[in-house]
């Protein structure tokens, strides 16, 4: 039996004790004031998050993946972060993956009972053939979700790197994981509704993990997403602007470079800069491990 009173995320928040008696403006002011605490709760974790990013990126460079495991809101946040990586950074769908208790259907309709099955977390993760190169991030506001516990235990057995993203201190998943990313957000405005502050803190952490890893992998130049997948009008326009800005060329030349590069932004930039072929641009990127900055420095050095 679970003693909810012992969980930080299940405690009653004194700031919202009489929230049902407040005006709409007062309700929102209470919620907004509490939301600030979610950001503050992440601040002490910044060094540990940086450490996790370094490990995740290193493992990705040698063939590893980033896999999120969670249930309910936590699981949905992991899936959301994962599915945004391919269009933003042109990553293959399997590089960053999200598992949610109850399967894909649980994204749209709650399947609360699925989170109580520890063996399901293990089996879902084992279906992905996890190895020691992979990084597994367990997500659970309470830090005790059996589905996540099972997944992290299995990941450890396979030698994978593991991180726990929780909102309750000294949790079971933190005890299992290699690195503890617990953001103590405190009692929710609506008691136990961890889709609120706890969910916000978890989303912040996931943004940092995936974005930090992608930057380390060379998918960002300056603050521009130079590996953007130009799959719709907005993203094609973004790619065009990125090529024109970095190559310092007219939009017409940038558009032609993108055409030659089959819509891929990084080789298009090199084509626009040095008027090389697509094959030459791709070879140059391969020689710099996909790092655009290094490729541009090499061109500049050769010109001099």
C-alpha atoms as a PDB file:
ATOM      1  CA  UNK A   1       0.000   0.000   0.000  1.00  0.00           C
ATOM      2  CA  UNK A   2       1.248   3.471  -0.928  1.00  0.00           C
ATOM      3  CA  UNK A   3       1.367   6.118   1.786  1.00  0.00           C
ATOM      4  CA  UNK A   4       0.681   9.190  -0.337  1.00  0.00           C
ATOM      5  CA  UNK A   5       1.226  11.477   2.619  1.00  0.00           C
ATOM      6  CA  UNK A   6       4.930  10.639   2.483  1.00  0.00           C
ATOM      7  CA  UNK A   7       5.288  11.873  -1.097  1.00  0.00           C
ATOM      8  CA  UNK A   8       6.357  15.472  -1.641  1.00  0.00           C
ATOM      9  CA  UNK A   9       4.136  15.715  -4.720  1.00  0.00           C
ATOM     10  CA  UNK A  10       1.033  14.639  -2.744  1.00  0.00           C
ATOM     11  CA  UNK A  11       1.227  17.180   0.052  1.00  0.00           C
ATOM     12  CA  UNK A  12      -1.350  19.955   0.401  1.00  0.00           C
ATOM     13  CA  UNK A  13      -0.236  23.402  -0.716  1.00  0.00           C
ATOM     14  CA  UNK A  14      -1.124  26.103   1.857  1.00  0.00           C
ATOM     15  CA  UNK A  15      -1.064  28.761  -0.888  1.00  0.00           C
ATOM     16  CA  UNK A  16      -4.063  27.173  -2.609  1.00  0.00           C
ATOM     17  CA  UNK A  17      -6.093  25.899   0.347  1.00  0.00           C
ATOM     18  CA  UNK A  18      -9.044  28.165  -0.528  1.00  0.00           C
ATOM     19  CA  UNK A  19      -8.426  28.448  -4.284  1.00  0.00           C
ATOM     20  CA  UNK A  20     -12.013  27.416  -5.013  1.00  0.00           C
ATOM     21  CA  UNK A  21     -13.199  30.609  -3.331  1.00  0.00           C
ATOM     22  CA  UNK A  22     -10.989  32.978  -5.336  1.00  0.00           C
ATOM     23  CA  UNK A  23     -11.748  35.131  -8.377  1.00  0.00           C
ATOM     24  CA  UNK A  24     -10.392  34.027 -11.783  1.00  0.00           C
ATOM     25  CA  UNK A  25      -7.561  36.567 -11.521  1.00  0.00           C
ATOM     26  CA  UNK A  26      -6.626  35.406  -8.029  1.00  0.00           C
ATOM     27  CA  UNK A  27      -6.680  31.751  -9.142  1.00  0.00           C
ATOM     28  CA  UNK A  28      -4.277  32.468 -11.975  1.00  0.00           C
ATOM     29  CA  UNK A  29      -2.030  34.561  -9.729  1.00  0.00           C
ATOM     30  CA  UNK A  30      -1.691  31.631  -7.330  1.00  0.00           C
ATOM     31  CA  UNK A  31      -0.913  29.206 -10.150  1.00  0.00           C
ATOM     32  CA  UNK A  32       1.579  31.598 -11.725  1.00  0.00           C
ATOM     33  CA  UNK A  33       3.391  32.189  -8.439  1.00  0.00           C
ATOM     34  CA  UNK A  34       3.709  28.440  -7.903  1.00  0.00           C
ATOM     35  CA  UNK A  35       4.934  27.881 -11.479  1.00  0.00           C
ATOM     36  CA  UNK A  36       7.961  30.078 -10.754  1.00  0.00           C
ATOM     37  CA  UNK A  37       9.032  27.459  -8.223  1.00  0.00           C
ATOM     38  CA  UNK A  38       9.290  24.828 -10.970  1.00  0.00           C
ATOM     39  CA  UNK A  39      12.028  26.824 -12.690  1.00  0.00           C
ATOM     40  CA  UNK A  40      13.810  27.467  -9.400  1.00  0.00           C
ATOM     41  CA  UNK A  41      13.713  23.745  -8.556  1.00  0.00           C
ATOM     42  CA  UNK A  42      15.788  22.957 -11.656  1.00  0.00           C
ATOM     43  CA  UNK A  43      18.544  25.478 -10.859  1.00  0.00           C
ATOM     44  CA  UNK A  44      20.513  23.299  -8.386  1.00  0.00           C
ATOM     45  CA  UNK A  45      20.528  20.498 -10.963  1.00  0.00           C
ATOM     46  CA  UNK A  46      22.293  22.441 -13.725  1.00  0.00           C
ATOM     47  CA  UNK A  47      25.773  20.904 -13.133  1.00  0.00           C
ATOM     48  CA  UNK A  48      24.314  17.381 -13.054  1.00  0.00           C
ATOM     49  CA  UNK A  49      22.257  18.023 -16.190  1.00  0.00           C
ATOM     50  CA  UNK A  50      25.426  19.197 -17.945  1.00  0.00           C
ATOM     51  CA  UNK A  51      27.169  16.004 -16.850  1.00  0.00           C
ATOM     52  CA  UNK A  52      24.297  13.931 -18.231  1.00  0.00           C
ATOM     53  CA  UNK A  53      24.371  15.838 -21.537  1.00  0.00           C
ATOM     54  CA  UNK A  54      28.086  15.136 -21.935  1.00  0.00           C
ATOM     55  CA  UNK A  55      27.557  11.410 -21.325  1.00  0.00           C
ATOM     56  CA  UNK A  56      24.512  11.163 -23.606  1.00  0.00           C
ATOM     57  CA  UNK A  57      26.233  13.019 -26.462  1.00  0.00           C
ATOM     58  CA  UNK A  58      29.385  10.919 -26.150  1.00  0.00           C
ATOM     59  CA  UNK A  59      27.385   7.704 -26.336  1.00  0.00           C
ATOM     60  CA  UNK A  60      25.369   8.978 -29.283  1.00  0.00           C
ATOM     61  CA  UNK A  61      28.593   9.674 -31.180  1.00  0.00           C
ATOM     62  CA  UNK A  62      29.529   5.995 -30.923  1.00  0.00           C
ATOM     63  CA  UNK A  63      26.135   4.605 -31.849  1.00  0.00           C
ATOM     64  CA  UNK A  64      24.016   4.997 -28.717  1.00  0.00           C
ATOM     65  CA  UNK A  65      20.465   6.268 -28.331  1.00  0.00           C
ATOM     66  CA  UNK A  66      18.544   8.411 -25.855  1.00  0.00           C
ATOM     67  CA  UNK A  67      15.425   6.630 -24.565  1.00  0.00           C
ATOM     68  CA  UNK A  68      12.854   8.159 -22.234  1.00  0.00           C
ATOM     69  CA  UNK A  69      10.605   5.939 -20.089  1.00  0.00           C
ATOM     70  CA  UNK A  70       7.606   7.201 -18.151  1.00  0.00           C
ATOM     71  CA  UNK A  71       3.910   6.897 -17.384  1.00  0.00           C
ATOM     72  CA  UNK A  72       1.051   9.379 -17.596  1.00  0.00           C
ATOM     73  CA  UNK A  73       2.153  13.009 -17.885  1.00  0.00           C
ATOM     74  CA  UNK A  74       5.820  12.082 -17.446  1.00  0.00           C
ATOM     75  CA  UNK A  75       5.636   9.529 -20.244  1.00  0.00           C
ATOM     76  CA  UNK A  76       3.878  11.956 -22.562  1.00  0.00           C
ATOM     77  CA  UNK A  77       6.537  14.589 -21.935  1.00  0.00           C
ATOM     78  CA  UNK A  78       9.233  12.092 -22.900  1.00  0.00           C
ATOM     79  CA  UNK A  79       7.436  11.156 -26.120  1.00  0.00           C
ATOM     80  CA  UNK A  80       6.886  14.825 -26.931  1.00  0.00           C
ATOM     81  CA  UNK A  81      10.562  15.635 -26.538  1.00  0.00           C
ATOM     82  CA  UNK A  82      11.560  12.630 -28.643  1.00  0.00           C
ATOM     83  CA  UNK A  83       9.232  13.280 -31.584  1.00  0.00           C
ATOM     84  CA  UNK A  84      10.432  16.875 -31.904  1.00  0.00           C
ATOM     85  CA  UNK A  85      14.045  15.831 -32.574  1.00  0.00           C
ATOM     86  CA  UNK A  86      13.720  14.521 -36.185  1.00  0.00           C
ATOM     87  CA  UNK A  87      12.211  17.718 -37.676  1.00  0.00           C
ATOM     88  CA  UNK A  88      14.430  20.019 -35.627  1.00  0.00           C
ATOM     89  CA  UNK A  89      17.737  18.202 -36.048  1.00  0.00           C
ATOM     90  CA  UNK A  90      17.183  15.669 -38.886  1.00  0.00           C
ATOM     91  CA  UNK A  91      17.821  12.780 -36.506  1.00  0.00           C
ATOM     92  CA  UNK A  92      16.548   9.286 -37.322  1.00  0.00           C
ATOM     93  CA  UNK A  93      13.402   8.500 -35.293  1.00  0.00           C
ATOM     94  CA  UNK A  94      15.177   5.799 -33.307  1.00  0.00           C
ATOM     95  CA  UNK A  95      17.958   8.107 -32.026  1.00  0.00           C
ATOM     96  CA  UNK A  96      15.697   9.728 -29.430  1.00  0.00           C
ATOM     97  CA  UNK A  97      12.750   7.571 -28.389  1.00  0.00           C
ATOM     98  CA  UNK A  98       9.995   7.852 -25.818  1.00  0.00           C
ATOM     99  CA  UNK A  99       8.316   4.900 -24.104  1.00  0.00           C
ATOM    100  CA  UNK A 100       5.038   5.388 -22.230  1.00  0.00           C
ATOM    101  CA  UNK A 101       3.293   2.847 -20.023  1.00  0.00           C
ATOM    102  CA  UNK A 102       0.328   1.499 -21.935  1.00  0.00           C
ATOM    103  CA  UNK A 103       1.833   2.084 -25.380  1.00  0.00           C
ATOM    104  CA  UNK A 104       1.093   4.735 -28.003  1.00  0.00           C
ATOM    105  CA  UNK A 105      -2.613   4.755 -27.164  1.00  0.00           C
ATOM    106  CA  UNK A 106      -1.781   6.120 -23.713  1.00  0.00           C
ATOM    107  CA  UNK A 107      -0.636   9.356 -25.346  1.00  0.00           C
ATOM    108  CA  UNK A 108      -4.247  10.282 -26.051  1.00  0.00           C
ATOM    109  CA  UNK A 109      -6.257   8.318 -23.502  1.00  0.00           C
ATOM    110  CA  UNK A 110      -5.102   7.728 -19.939  1.00  0.00           C
ATOM    111  CA  UNK A 111      -4.214   4.126 -19.066  1.00  0.00           C
ATOM    112  CA  UNK A 112      -3.354   4.655 -15.435  1.00  0.00           C
ATOM    113  CA  UNK A 113      -3.134   0.977 -14.447  1.00  0.00           C
ATOM    114  CA  UNK A 114      -0.280   0.334 -16.888  1.00  0.00           C
ATOM    115  CA  UNK A 115       2.151   2.266 -14.699  1.00  0.00           C
ATOM    116  CA  UNK A 116       1.829  -0.283 -11.874  1.00  0.00           C
ATOM    117  CA  UNK A 117       3.462  -3.105 -13.862  1.00  0.00           C
ATOM    118  CA  UNK A 118       7.214  -3.228 -13.273  1.00  0.00           C
ATOM    119  CA  UNK A 119       7.675  -6.103 -15.725  1.00  0.00           C
ATOM    120  CA  UNK A 120       6.011  -4.037 -18.476  1.00  0.00           C
ATOM    121  CA  UNK A 121       8.707  -1.391 -18.160  1.00  0.00           C
ATOM    122  CA  UNK A 122      11.360  -4.065 -18.511  1.00  0.00           C
ATOM    123  CA  UNK A 123       9.699  -5.728 -21.498  1.00  0.00           C
ATOM    124  CA  UNK A 124       9.042  -2.456 -23.328  1.00  0.00           C
ATOM    125  CA  UNK A 125      12.681  -1.474 -22.965  1.00  0.00           C
ATOM    126  CA  UNK A 126      14.012  -4.926 -23.847  1.00  0.00           C
ATOM    127  CA  UNK A 127      12.049  -4.763 -27.106  1.00  0.00           C
ATOM    128  CA  UNK A 128      14.392  -1.949 -28.159  1.00  0.00           C
ATOM    129  CA  UNK A 129      17.487  -4.155 -27.712  1.00  0.00           C
ATOM    130  CA  UNK A 130      19.175  -1.801 -25.268  1.00  0.00           C
ATOM    131  CA  UNK A 131      22.977  -1.948 -25.077  1.00  0.00           C
ATOM    132  CA  UNK A 132      25.719  -0.333 -23.006  1.00  0.00           C
ATOM    133  CA  UNK A 133      25.901   2.497 -25.570  1.00  0.00           C
ATOM    134  CA  UNK A 134      22.394   3.725 -24.818  1.00  0.00           C
ATOM    135  CA  UNK A 135      21.207   6.346 -22.325  1.00  0.00           C
ATOM    136  CA  UNK A 136      17.933   5.670 -20.510  1.00  0.00           C
ATOM    137  CA  UNK A 137      16.090   8.470 -18.707  1.00  0.00           C
ATOM    138  CA  UNK A 138      13.375   7.395 -16.271  1.00  0.00           C
ATOM    139  CA  UNK A 139      10.611   9.953 -15.707  1.00  0.00           C
ATOM    140  CA  UNK A 140       8.360   9.876 -12.650  1.00  0.00           C
ATOM    141  CA  UNK A 141       7.136  12.810 -10.579  1.00  0.00           C
ATOM    142  CA  UNK A 142       6.707  10.588  -7.515  1.00  0.00           C
ATOM    143  CA  UNK A 143       9.938   8.739  -8.275  1.00  0.00           C
ATOM    144  CA  UNK A 144       8.323   5.401  -7.454  1.00  0.00           C
ATOM    145  CA  UNK A 145       6.336   4.432 -10.597  1.00  0.00           C
ATOM    146  CA  UNK A 146       6.815   0.645 -10.997  1.00  0.00           C
ATOM    147  CA  UNK A 147       6.909   0.847 -14.817  1.00  0.00           C
ATOM    148  CA  UNK A 148       9.866   3.228 -14.617  1.00  0.00           C
ATOM    149  CA  UNK A 149      11.556   1.243 -11.843  1.00  0.00           C
ATOM    150  CA  UNK A 150      11.404  -1.885 -14.019  1.00  0.00           C
ATOM    151  CA  UNK A 151      12.771  -0.063 -17.050  1.00  0.00           C
ATOM    152  CA  UNK A 152      15.703   1.466 -15.162  1.00  0.00           C
ATOM    153  CA  UNK A 153      16.624  -1.809 -13.477  1.00  0.00           C
ATOM    154  CA  UNK A 154      16.697  -3.543 -16.850  1.00  0.00           C
ATOM    155  CA  UNK A 155      18.761  -0.697 -18.353  1.00  0.00           C
ATOM    156  CA  UNK A 156      21.323  -1.012 -15.558  1.00  0.00           C
ATOM    157  CA  UNK A 157      21.595  -4.756 -16.195  1.00  0.00           C
ATOM    158  CA  UNK A 158      22.454  -3.996 -19.826  1.00  0.00           C
ATOM    159  CA  UNK A 159      25.159  -1.517 -18.818  1.00  0.00           C
ATOM    160  CA  UNK A 160      23.314   1.500 -20.215  1.00  0.00           C
ATOM    161  CA  UNK A 161      23.750   4.963 -18.715  1.00  0.00           C
ATOM    162  CA  UNK A 162      20.728   5.810 -16.570  1.00  0.00           C
ATOM    163  CA  UNK A 163      19.267   9.052 -15.244  1.00  0.00           C
ATOM    164  CA  UNK A 164      16.254   9.616 -13.007  1.00  0.00           C
ATOM    165  CA  UNK A 165      14.044  12.678 -13.459  1.00  0.00           C
ATOM    166  CA  UNK A 166      11.793  12.900 -10.409  1.00  0.00           C
ATOM    167  CA  UNK A 167      10.201  15.535  -8.188  1.00  0.00           C
ATOM    168  CA  UNK A 168      10.307  13.711  -4.858  1.00  0.00           C
ATOM    169  CA  UNK A 169      13.638  13.417  -2.978  1.00  0.00           C
ATOM    170  CA  UNK A 170      15.255  10.098  -2.123  1.00  0.00           C
ATOM    171  CA  UNK A 171      13.075   8.187  -4.577  1.00  0.00           C
ATOM    172  CA  UNK A 172      13.403   4.555  -5.752  1.00  0.00           C
ATOM    173  CA  UNK A 173      14.288   5.567  -9.324  1.00  0.00           C
ATOM    174  CA  UNK A 174      16.985   7.957  -8.082  1.00  0.00           C
ATOM    175  CA  UNK A 175      18.495   5.110  -6.056  1.00  0.00           C
ATOM    176  CA  UNK A 176      18.743   2.975  -9.199  1.00  0.00           C
ATOM    177  CA  UNK A 177      20.031   5.556 -11.674  1.00  0.00           C
ATOM    178  CA  UNK A 178      23.613   6.621 -12.339  1.00  0.00           C
ATOM    179  CA  UNK A 179      22.623  10.256 -12.000  1.00  0.00           C
ATOM    180  CA  UNK A 180      19.828  11.795  -9.943  1.00  0.00           C
ATOM    181  CA  UNK A 181      18.014  14.712 -11.592  1.00  0.00           C
ATOM    182  CA  UNK A 182      15.367  15.289  -8.936  1.00  0.00           C
ATOM    183  CA  UNK A 183      13.720  18.722  -9.043  1.00  0.00           C
ATOM    184  CA  UNK A 184      11.849  19.150  -5.772  1.00  0.00           C
ATOM    185  CA  UNK A 185       8.894  21.280  -6.888  1.00  0.00           C
ATOM    186  CA  UNK A 186       6.819  20.858  -3.729  1.00  0.00           C
ATOM    187  CA  UNK A 187       3.087  20.569  -3.245  1.00  0.00           C
ATOM    188  CA  UNK A 188       0.913  21.207  -6.280  1.00  0.00           C
ATOM    189  CA  UNK A 189      -1.773  23.893  -6.510  1.00  0.00           C
ATOM    190  CA  UNK A 190      -4.286  21.065  -6.913  1.00  0.00           C
ATOM    191  CA  UNK A 191      -3.119  18.349  -4.539  1.00  0.00           C
ATOM    192  CA  UNK A 192      -1.414  15.520  -6.421  1.00  0.00           C
ATOM    193  CA  UNK A 193      -1.881  17.075  -9.887  1.00  0.00           C
ATOM    194  CA  UNK A 194       1.697  16.532 -11.025  1.00  0.00           C
ATOM    195  CA  UNK A 195       0.953  17.611 -14.578  1.00  0.00           C
ATOM    196  CA  UNK A 196       1.426  21.116 -13.158  1.00  0.00           C
ATOM    197  CA  UNK A 197       4.686  22.166 -11.423  1.00  0.00           C
ATOM    198  CA  UNK A 198       6.248  18.706 -11.549  1.00  0.00           C
ATOM    199  CA  UNK A 199       5.448  18.385 -15.252  1.00  0.00           C
ATOM    200  CA  UNK A 200       6.862  21.831 -15.961  1.00  0.00           C
ATOM    201  CA  UNK A 201      10.144  21.017 -14.217  1.00  0.00           C
ATOM    202  CA  UNK A 202      10.450  17.706 -16.051  1.00  0.00           C
ATOM    203  CA  UNK A 203       9.841  19.429 -19.394  1.00  0.00           C
ATOM    204  CA  UNK A 204      12.582  21.951 -18.633  1.00  0.00           C
ATOM    205  CA  UNK A 205      15.032  19.156 -17.849  1.00  0.00           C
ATOM    206  CA  UNK A 206      14.147  17.208 -21.005  1.00  0.00           C
ATOM    207  CA  UNK A 207      14.608  20.353 -23.113  1.00  0.00           C
ATOM    208  CA  UNK A 208      18.087  20.727 -21.647  1.00  0.00           C
ATOM    209  CA  UNK A 209      19.056  17.073 -22.137  1.00  0.00           C
ATOM    210  CA  UNK A 210      18.027  16.733 -25.786  1.00  0.00           C
ATOM    211  CA  UNK A 211      19.015  20.248 -26.870  1.00  0.00           C
ATOM    212  CA  UNK A 212      22.354  20.051 -25.090  1.00  0.00           C
ATOM    213  CA  UNK A 213      23.110  16.699 -26.707  1.00  0.00           C
ATOM    214  CA  UNK A 214      22.187  17.976 -30.178  1.00  0.00           C
ATOM    215  CA  UNK A 215      24.438  21.010 -29.747  1.00  0.00           C
ATOM    216  CA  UNK A 216      27.313  18.746 -28.732  1.00  0.00           C
ATOM    217  CA  UNK A 217      26.666  16.618 -31.824  1.00  0.00           C
ATOM    218  CA  UNK A 218      27.178  19.662 -34.055  1.00  0.00           C
ATOM    219  CA  UNK A 219      23.554  20.119 -35.052  1.00  0.00           C
ATOM    220  CA  UNK A 220      23.622  23.785 -34.053  1.00  0.00           C
ATOM    221  CA  UNK A 221      25.848  26.553 -35.442  1.00  0.00           C
ATOM    222  CA  UNK A 222      25.752  29.684 -33.306  1.00  0.00           C
ATOM    223  CA  UNK A 223      22.150  29.354 -32.223  1.00  0.00           C
ATOM    224  CA  UNK A 224      20.858  28.182 -35.611  1.00  0.00           C
ATOM    225  CA  UNK A 225      19.460  24.683 -36.261  1.00  0.00           C
ATOM    226  CA  UNK A 226      21.699  23.838 -39.189  1.00  0.00           C
ATOM    227  CA  UNK A 227      20.402  20.272 -39.434  1.00  0.00           C
ATOM    228  CA  UNK A 228      16.756  21.304 -39.717  1.00  0.00           C
ATOM    229  CA  UNK A 229      14.647  18.930 -41.827  1.00  0.00           C
ATOM    230  CA  UNK A 230      12.982  21.226 -44.378  1.00  0.00           C
ATOM    231  CA  UNK A 231       9.765  19.220 -44.631  1.00  0.00           C
ATOM    232  CA  UNK A 232       7.175  22.013 -44.764  1.00  0.00           C
ATOM    233  CA  UNK A 233       6.934  25.605 -45.978  1.00  0.00           C
ATOM    234  CA  UNK A 234       7.949  27.141 -42.649  1.00  0.00           C
ATOM    235  CA  UNK A 235      10.980  24.887 -42.276  1.00  0.00           C
ATOM    236  CA  UNK A 236      12.018  25.384 -45.913  1.00  0.00           C
ATOM    237  CA  UNK A 237      11.942  29.135 -45.344  1.00  0.00           C
ATOM    238  CA  UNK A 238      13.947  28.704 -42.144  1.00  0.00           C
ATOM    239  CA  UNK A 239      16.562  26.618 -43.969  1.00  0.00           C
ATOM    240  CA  UNK A 240      16.783  29.242 -46.701  1.00  0.00           C
ATOM    241  CA  UNK A 241      17.322  32.016 -44.165  1.00  0.00           C
ATOM    242  CA  UNK A 242      19.962  29.974 -42.316  1.00  0.00           C
ATOM    243  CA  UNK A 243      21.962  29.270 -45.489  1.00  0.00           C
ATOM    244  CA  UNK A 244      21.792  32.903 -46.604  1.00  0.00           C
ATOM    245  CA  UNK A 245      22.842  34.182 -43.184  1.00  0.00           C
ATOM    246  CA  UNK A 246      25.779  31.850 -42.560  1.00  0.00           C
ATOM    247  CA  UNK A 247      27.058  31.863 -46.157  1.00  0.00           C
ATOM    248  CA  UNK A 248      26.451  35.626 -46.385  1.00  0.00           C
ATOM    249  CA  UNK A 249      24.922  35.225 -49.794  1.00  0.00           C
ATOM    250  CA  UNK A 250      21.760  36.378 -51.605  1.00  0.00           C
ATOM    251  CA  UNK A 251      18.621  34.309 -51.074  1.00  0.00           C
ATOM    252  CA  UNK A 252      18.705  33.208 -54.713  1.00  0.00           C
ATOM    253  CA  UNK A 253      22.141  31.654 -54.258  1.00  0.00           C
ATOM    254  CA  UNK A 254      21.051  30.061 -50.987  1.00  0.00           C
ATOM    255  CA  UNK A 255      18.014  28.545 -52.707  1.00  0.00           C
ATOM    256  CA  UNK A 256      20.166  27.097 -55.477  1.00  0.00           C
ATOM    257  CA  UNK A 257      22.626  25.658 -52.948  1.00  0.00           C
ATOM    258  CA  UNK A 258      19.744  23.989 -51.087  1.00  0.00           C
ATOM    259  CA  UNK A 259      18.484  22.530 -54.357  1.00  0.00           C
ATOM    260  CA  UNK A 260      21.910  21.079 -55.133  1.00  0.00           C
ATOM    261  CA  UNK A 261      22.191  19.739 -51.566  1.00  0.00           C
ATOM    262  CA  UNK A 262      18.774  18.046 -51.765  1.00  0.00           C
ATOM    263  CA  UNK A 263      17.406  20.398 -49.111  1.00  0.00           C
ATOM    264  CA  UNK A 264      20.087  19.626 -46.510  1.00  0.00           C
ATOM    265  CA  UNK A 265      21.172  22.816 -44.804  1.00  0.00           C
ATOM    266  CA  UNK A 266      24.762  22.086 -43.763  1.00  0.00           C
ATOM    267  CA  UNK A 267      26.073  20.947 -47.167  1.00  0.00           C
ATOM    268  CA  UNK A 268      24.100  23.776 -48.775  1.00  0.00           C
ATOM    269  CA  UNK A 269      26.014  26.275 -46.645  1.00  0.00           C
ATOM    270  CA  UNK A 270      29.340  24.838 -47.776  1.00  0.00           C
ATOM    271  CA  UNK A 271      28.211  24.825 -51.423  1.00  0.00           C
ATOM    272  CA  UNK A 272      27.212  28.481 -51.143  1.00  0.00           C
ATOM    273  CA  UNK A 273      30.460  29.438 -49.406  1.00  0.00           C
ATOM    274  CA  UNK A 274      32.996  27.749 -51.679  1.00  0.00           C
ATOM    275  CA  UNK A 275      30.993  26.844 -54.808  1.00  0.00           C
ATOM    276  CA  UNK A 276      31.829  23.168 -54.370  1.00  0.00           C
ATOM    277  CA  UNK A 277      29.812  20.148 -55.436  1.00  0.00           C
ATOM    278  CA  UNK A 278      27.382  18.284 -53.222  1.00  0.00           C
ATOM    279  CA  UNK A 279      29.820  15.391 -52.997  1.00  0.00           C
ATOM    280  CA  UNK A 280      32.679  17.668 -51.968  1.00  0.00           C
ATOM    281  CA  UNK A 281      30.515  19.331 -49.321  1.00  0.00           C
ATOM    282  CA  UNK A 282      29.482  15.959 -47.895  1.00  0.00           C
ATOM    283  CA  UNK A 283      33.099  14.744 -47.817  1.00  0.00           C
ATOM    284  CA  UNK A 284      34.153  17.905 -46.010  1.00  0.00           C
ATOM    285  CA  UNK A 285      31.446  17.386 -43.380  1.00  0.00           C
ATOM    286  CA  UNK A 286      32.401  13.740 -42.964  1.00  0.00           C
ATOM    287  CA  UNK A 287      35.993  14.810 -42.386  1.00  0.00           C
ATOM    288  CA  UNK A 288      34.922  17.119 -39.554  1.00  0.00           C
ATOM    289  CA  UNK A 289      32.496  14.665 -37.927  1.00  0.00           C
ATOM    290  CA  UNK A 290      29.539  16.734 -39.110  1.00  0.00           C
ATOM    291  CA  UNK A 291      30.764  19.887 -37.349  1.00  0.00           C
ATOM    292  CA  UNK A 292      29.929  22.842 -39.594  1.00  0.00           C
ATOM    293  CA  UNK A 293      32.154  25.273 -37.673  1.00  0.00           C
ATOM    294  CA  UNK A 294      35.174  23.022 -38.211  1.00  0.00           C
ATOM    295  CA  UNK A 295      34.350  22.634 -41.907  1.00  0.00           C
ATOM    296  CA  UNK A 296      34.087  26.399 -42.377  1.00  0.00           C
ATOM    297  CA  UNK A 297      37.397  26.923 -40.568  1.00  0.00           C
ATOM    298  CA  UNK A 298      39.013  24.370 -42.867  1.00  0.00           C
ATOM    299  CA  UNK A 299      37.709  26.211 -45.940  1.00  0.00           C
ATOM    300  CA  UNK A 300      38.919  29.528 -44.565  1.00  0.00           C
ATOM    301  CA  UNK A 301      42.367  28.085 -43.875  1.00  0.00           C
ATOM    302  CA  UNK A 302      42.630  26.632 -47.374  1.00  0.00           C
ATOM    303  CA  UNK A 303      41.642  29.958 -48.938  1.00  0.00           C
ATOM    304  CA  UNK A 304      44.397  31.735 -46.993  1.00  0.00           C
END
